[in-house]
């Protein structure tokens, strides 16, 4: 992922973080930190689907 540094480094870092959050990269990193049992994964996915549907 590329981010242009036009004004200052702080704004570029904020922009990069926004893009990563939008793509779900941070959520993926947290999920892969620890092993998640398949039953827990199914429950989490179904609850997220219910949240997104509303």
Foldseek 3Di string as FASTA:
>chain_A
DDFDDDDHDVVSVVVVVVVCVVVCVVVVVVCPPDDDDPVRVVVVVVVVVVVVVD
